[in-house]
């Protein structure tokens, strides 16, 4: 399974072997709990900060 999150020009992808998930696609949705989604959101903030810093050095 590949779980992909996009926010603007940023993207996060997570690959999970089917054998590691019980219940198929339903099991994937169980994995996406509130704590995980908050972590994804926090990671986007860090990614944006890193990109903006790099871009400001580029200009």
PDB file of N, CA and C in Angstrom:
ATOM      1  N   UNK A   1       0.845  -1.167   0.000  1.00  0.00           N
ATOM      2  CA  UNK A   1       0.000   0.000   0.000  1.00  0.00           C
ATOM      3  C   UNK A   1       0.890   1.230   0.000  1.00  0.00           C
ATOM      4  N   UNK A   2       0.445   2.265  -0.672  1.00  0.00           N
ATOM      5  CA  UNK A   2       1.121   3.552  -0.628  1.00  0.00           C
ATOM      6  C   UNK A   2       0.109   4.575  -0.132  1.00  0.00           C
ATOM      7  N   UNK A   3       0.469   5.256   0.948  1.00  0.00           N
ATOM      8  CA  UNK A   3      -0.364   6.316   1.504  1.00  0.00           C
ATOM      9  C   UNK A   3       0.321   7.629   1.141  1.00  0.00           C
ATOM     10  N   UNK A   4      -0.404   8.507   0.481  1.00  0.00           N
ATOM     11  CA  UNK A   4       0.181   9.757   0.016  1.00  0.00           C
ATOM     12  C   UNK A   4      -0.618  10.929   0.572  1.00  0.00           C
ATOM     13  N   UNK A   5       0.125  11.912   1.088  1.00  0.00           N
ATOM     14  CA  UNK A   5      -0.460  13.153   1.577  1.00  0.00           C
ATOM     15  C   UNK A   5       0.148  14.290   0.769  1.00  0.00           C
ATOM     16  N   UNK A   6      -0.658  15.251   0.368  1.00  0.00           N
ATOM     17  CA  UNK A   6      -0.177  16.415  -0.371  1.00  0.00           C
ATOM     18  C   UNK A   6      -0.682  17.673   0.305  1.00  0.00           C
ATOM     19  N   UNK A   7       0.194  18.678   0.312  1.00  0.00           N
ATOM     20  CA  UNK A   7      -0.168  19.995   0.832  1.00  0.00           C
ATOM     21  C   UNK A   7       0.586  21.009  -0.010  1.00  0.00           C
ATOM     22  N   UNK A   8      -0.120  21.709  -0.895  1.00  0.00           N
ATOM     23  CA  UNK A   8       0.538  22.641  -1.797  1.00  0.00           C
ATOM     24  C   UNK A   8       1.530  21.914  -2.679  1.00  0.00           C
ATOM     25  N   UNK A   9       2.769  22.394  -2.671  1.00  0.00           N
ATOM     26  CA  UNK A   9       3.804  21.771  -3.497  1.00  0.00           C
ATOM     27  C   UNK A   9       4.597  20.693  -2.746  1.00  0.00           C
ATOM     28  N   UNK A  10       4.122  20.313  -1.575  1.00  0.00           N
ATOM     29  CA  UNK A  10       4.805  19.305  -0.766  1.00  0.00           C
ATOM     30  C   UNK A  10       4.024  17.996  -0.788  1.00  0.00           C
ATOM     31  N   UNK A  11       4.758  16.903  -0.626  1.00  0.00           N
ATOM     32  CA  UNK A  11       4.136  15.580  -0.654  1.00  0.00           C
ATOM     33  C   UNK A  11       4.876  14.660   0.305  1.00  0.00           C
ATOM     34  N   UNK A  12       4.110  13.828   1.012  1.00  0.00           N
ATOM     35  CA  UNK A  12       4.667  12.772   1.849  1.00  0.00           C
ATOM     36  C   UNK A  12       4.069  11.452   1.384  1.00  0.00           C
ATOM     37  N   UNK A  13       4.910  10.444   1.281  1.00  0.00           N
ATOM     38  CA  UNK A  13       4.447   9.115   0.893  1.00  0.00           C
ATOM     39  C   UNK A  13       4.958   8.086   1.890  1.00  0.00           C
ATOM     40  N   UNK A  14       4.097   7.152   2.219  1.00  0.00           N
ATOM     41  CA  UNK A  14       4.439   6.060   3.123  1.00  0.00           C
ATOM     42  C   UNK A  14       4.114   4.755   2.429  1.00  0.00           C
ATOM     43  N   UNK A  15       5.073   3.860   2.360  1.00  0.00           N
ATOM     44  CA  UNK A  15       4.864   2.552   1.741  1.00  0.00           C
ATOM     45  C   UNK A  15       4.773   1.497   2.836  1.00  0.00           C
ATOM     46  N   UNK A  16       3.735   0.678   2.745  1.00  0.00           N
ATOM     47  CA  UNK A  16       3.513  -0.366   3.736  1.00  0.00           C
ATOM     48  C   UNK A  16       3.269  -1.672   2.997  1.00  0.00           C
ATOM     49  N   UNK A  17       3.998  -2.683   3.360  1.00  0.00           N
ATOM     50  CA  UNK A  17       3.801  -3.993   2.738  1.00  0.00           C
ATOM     51  C   UNK A  17       2.421  -4.522   3.096  1.00  0.00           C
ATOM     52  N   UNK A  18       1.740  -5.082   2.119  1.00  0.00           N
ATOM     53  CA  UNK A  18       0.396  -5.618   2.356  1.00  0.00           C
ATOM     54  C   UNK A  18       0.395  -6.656   3.468  1.00  0.00           C
ATOM     55  N   UNK A  19       1.474  -7.395   3.569  1.00  0.00           N
ATOM     56  CA  UNK A  19       1.570  -8.452   4.582  1.00  0.00           C
ATOM     57  C   UNK A  19       1.600  -7.878   6.004  1.00  0.00           C
ATOM     58  N   UNK A  20       1.994  -6.595   6.129  1.00  0.00           N
ATOM     59  CA  UNK A  20       2.086  -5.963   7.446  1.00  0.00           C
ATOM     60  C   UNK A  20       0.770  -5.373   7.930  1.00  0.00           C
ATOM     61  N   UNK A  21      -0.251  -5.360   7.079  1.00  0.00           N
ATOM     62  CA  UNK A  21      -1.534  -4.757   7.437  1.00  0.00           C
ATOM     63  C   UNK A  21      -2.606  -5.847   7.499  1.00  0.00           C
ATOM     64  N   UNK A  22      -3.242  -5.938   8.643  1.00  0.00           N
ATOM     65  CA  UNK A  22      -4.343  -6.882   8.806  1.00  0.00           C
ATOM     66  C   UNK A  22      -5.624  -6.204   8.339  1.00  0.00           C
ATOM     67  N   UNK A  23      -6.395  -6.865   7.511  1.00  0.00           N
ATOM     68  CA  UNK A  23      -7.680  -6.321   7.101  1.00  0.00           C
ATOM     69  C   UNK A  23      -7.651  -5.549   5.808  1.00  0.00           C
ATOM     70  N   UNK A  24      -6.548  -5.623   5.071  1.00  0.00           N
ATOM     71  CA  UNK A  24      -6.469  -4.947   3.773  1.00  0.00           C
ATOM     72  C   UNK A  24      -6.620  -3.447   3.882  1.00  0.00           C
ATOM     73  N   UNK A  25      -7.367  -2.868   2.958  1.00  0.00           N
ATOM     74  CA  UNK A  25      -7.529  -1.411   2.907  1.00  0.00           C
ATOM     75  C   UNK A  25      -8.141  -0.886   4.202  1.00  0.00           C
ATOM     76  N   UNK A  26      -9.068  -1.609   4.777  1.00  0.00           N
ATOM     77  CA  UNK A  26      -9.665  -1.178   6.047  1.00  0.00           C
ATOM     78  C   UNK A  26      -8.600  -1.051   7.129  1.00  0.00           C
ATOM     79  N   UNK A  27      -7.631  -1.944   7.129  1.00  0.00           N
ATOM     80  CA  UNK A  27      -6.537  -1.875   8.089  1.00  0.00           C
ATOM     81  C   UNK A  27      -5.686  -0.639   7.894  1.00  0.00           C
ATOM     82  N   UNK A  28      -5.512  -0.220   6.642  1.00  0.00           N
ATOM     83  CA  UNK A  28      -4.751   1.009   6.359  1.00  0.00           C
ATOM     84  C   UNK A  28      -5.457   2.199   6.997  1.00  0.00           C
ATOM     85  N   UNK A  29      -6.775   2.259   6.839  1.00  0.00           N
ATOM     86  CA  UNK A  29      -7.525   3.381   7.418  1.00  0.00           C
ATOM     87  C   UNK A  29      -7.464   3.365   8.943  1.00  0.00           C
ATOM     88  N   UNK A  30      -7.389   2.204   9.541  1.00  0.00           N
ATOM     89  CA  UNK A  30      -7.234   2.122  10.996  1.00  0.00           C
ATOM     90  C   UNK A  30      -5.897   2.692  11.446  1.00  0.00           C
ATOM     91  N   UNK A  31      -4.890   2.553  10.615  1.00  0.00           N
ATOM     92  CA  UNK A  31      -3.561   3.079  10.919  1.00  0.00           C
ATOM     93  C   UNK A  31      -3.552   4.610  10.966  1.00  0.00           C
ATOM     94  N   UNK A  32      -4.433   5.230  10.209  1.00  0.00           N
ATOM     95  CA  UNK A  32      -4.459   6.692  10.088  1.00  0.00           C
ATOM     96  C   UNK A  32      -5.237   7.326  11.235  1.00  0.00           C
ATOM     97  N   UNK A  33      -4.715   7.165  12.440  1.00  0.00           N
ATOM     98  CA  UNK A  33      -5.390   7.733  13.600  1.00  0.00           C
ATOM     99  C   UNK A  33      -5.006   9.208  13.778  1.00  0.00           C
ATOM    100  N   UNK A  34      -5.629   9.835  14.754  1.00  0.00           N
ATOM    101  CA  UNK A  34      -5.432  11.268  14.991  1.00  0.00           C
ATOM    102  C   UNK A  34      -3.967  11.610  15.273  1.00  0.00           C
ATOM    103  N   UNK A  35      -3.298  10.789  16.040  1.00  0.00           N
ATOM    104  CA  UNK A  35      -1.890  11.032  16.385  1.00  0.00           C
ATOM    105  C   UNK A  35      -1.007  10.987  15.127  1.00  0.00           C
ATOM    106  N   UNK A  36      -1.234  10.004  14.264  1.00  0.00           N
ATOM    107  CA  UNK A  36      -0.452   9.902  13.031  1.00  0.00           C
ATOM    108  C   UNK A  36      -0.709  11.105  12.124  1.00  0.00           C
ATOM    109  N   UNK A  37      -1.973  11.482  11.965  1.00  0.00           N
ATOM    110  CA  UNK A  37      -2.297  12.617  11.094  1.00  0.00           C
ATOM    111  C   UNK A  37      -1.719  13.918  11.638  1.00  0.00           C
ATOM    112  N   UNK A  38      -1.672  14.084  12.956  1.00  0.00           N
ATOM    113  CA  UNK A  38      -1.027  15.267  13.534  1.00  0.00           C
ATOM    114  C   UNK A  38       0.456  15.262  13.208  1.00  0.00           C
ATOM    115  N   UNK A  39       1.076  14.107  13.276  1.00  0.00           N
ATOM    116  CA  UNK A  39       2.490  13.983  12.938  1.00  0.00           C
ATOM    117  C   UNK A  39       2.731  14.361  11.474  1.00  0.00           C
ATOM    118  N   UNK A  40       1.858  13.935  10.599  1.00  0.00           N
ATOM    119  CA  UNK A  40       1.966  14.280   9.181  1.00  0.00           C
ATOM    120  C   UNK A  40       1.871  15.797   9.004  1.00  0.00           C
ATOM    121  N   UNK A  41       0.908  16.414   9.682  1.00  0.00           N
ATOM    122  CA  UNK A  41       0.739  17.868   9.604  1.00  0.00           C
ATOM    123  C   UNK A  41       1.980  18.597  10.123  1.00  0.00           C
ATOM    124  N   UNK A  42       2.516  18.131  11.244  1.00  0.00           N
ATOM    125  CA  UNK A  42       3.737  18.731  11.807  1.00  0.00           C
ATOM    126  C   UNK A  42       4.908  18.585  10.839  1.00  0.00           C
ATOM    127  N   UNK A  43       5.001  17.436  10.202  1.00  0.00           N
ATOM    128  CA  UNK A  43       6.087  17.202   9.249  1.00  0.00           C
ATOM    129  C   UNK A  43       5.978  18.145   8.056  1.00  0.00           C
ATOM    130  N   UNK A  44       4.754  18.405   7.596  1.00  0.00           N
ATOM    131  CA  UNK A  44       4.576  19.374   6.507  1.00  0.00           C
ATOM    132  C   UNK A  44       5.109  20.747   6.917  1.00  0.00           C
ATOM    133  N   UNK A  45       4.859  21.155   8.145  1.00  0.00           N
ATOM    134  CA  UNK A  45       5.358  22.451   8.619  1.00  0.00           C
ATOM    135  C   UNK A  45       6.885  22.488   8.574  1.00  0.00           C
ATOM    136  N   UNK A  46       7.523  21.401   9.000  1.00  0.00           N
ATOM    137  CA  UNK A  46       8.990  21.331   8.958  1.00  0.00           C
ATOM    138  C   UNK A  46       9.509  21.315   7.515  1.00  0.00           C
ATOM    139  N   UNK A  47       8.817  20.587   6.660  1.00  0.00           N
ATOM    140  CA  UNK A  47       9.221  20.532   5.255  1.00  0.00           C
ATOM    141  C   UNK A  47       9.142  21.928   4.623  1.00  0.00           C
ATOM    142  N   UNK A  48       8.023  22.629   4.900  1.00  0.00           N
ATOM    143  CA  UNK A  48       7.853  23.967   4.331  1.00  0.00           C
ATOM    144  C   UNK A  48       8.940  24.914   4.834  1.00  0.00           C
ATOM    145  N   UNK A  49       9.242  24.824   6.125  1.00  0.00           N
ATOM    146  CA  UNK A  49      10.287  25.668   6.708  1.00  0.00           C
ATOM    147  C   UNK A  49      11.643  25.378   6.048  1.00  0.00           C
ATOM    148  N   UNK A  50      11.974  24.111   5.870  1.00  0.00           N
ATOM    149  CA  UNK A  50      13.239  23.738   5.240  1.00  0.00           C
ATOM    150  C   UNK A  50      13.310  24.239   3.803  1.00  0.00           C
ATOM    151  N   UNK A  51      12.212  24.064   3.075  1.00  0.00           N
ATOM    152  CA  UNK A  51      12.187  24.502   1.685  1.00  0.00           C
ATOM    153  C   UNK A  51      12.298  26.023   1.596  1.00  0.00           C
ATOM    154  N   UNK A  52      11.544  26.737   2.425  1.00  0.00           N
ATOM    155  CA  UNK A  52      11.602  28.203   2.393  1.00  0.00           C
ATOM    156  C   UNK A  52      12.994  28.712   2.744  1.00  0.00           C
ATOM    157  N   UNK A  53      13.645  28.076   3.691  1.00  0.00           N
ATOM    158  CA  UNK A  53      15.026  28.467   4.050  1.00  0.00           C
ATOM    159  C   UNK A  53      15.971  28.240   2.881  1.00  0.00           C
ATOM    160  N   UNK A  54      15.860  27.096   2.241  1.00  0.00           N
ATOM    161  CA  UNK A  54      16.714  26.807   1.092  1.00  0.00           C
ATOM    162  C   UNK A  54      16.430  27.771  -0.057  1.00  0.00           C
ATOM    163  N   UNK A  55      15.149  28.081  -0.274  1.00  0.00           N
ATOM    164  CA  UNK A  55      14.792  28.972  -1.363  1.00  0.00           C
ATOM    165  C   UNK A  55      15.282  30.396  -1.109  1.00  0.00           C
ATOM    166  N   UNK A  56      15.253  30.841   0.147  1.00  0.00           N
ATOM    167  CA  UNK A  56      15.742  32.181   0.451  1.00  0.00           C
ATOM    168  C   UNK A  56      17.259  32.275   0.236  1.00  0.00           C
ATOM    169  N   UNK A  57      17.981  31.188   0.432  1.00  0.00           N
ATOM    170  CA  UNK A  57      19.421  31.192   0.155  1.00  0.00           C
ATOM    171  C   UNK A  57      19.682  31.186  -1.345  1.00  0.00           C
ATOM    172  N   UNK A  58      18.781  30.636  -2.092  1.00  0.00           N
ATOM    173  CA  UNK A  58      18.897  30.547  -3.544  1.00  0.00           C
ATOM    174  C   UNK A  58      18.724  31.894  -4.210  1.00  0.00           C
ATOM    175  N   UNK A  59      17.791  32.702  -3.684  1.00  0.00           N
ATOM    176  CA  UNK A  59      17.480  33.999  -4.287  1.00  0.00           C
ATOM    177  C   UNK A  59      18.671  34.881  -4.268  1.00  0.00           C
TER     178      UNK A  59
END
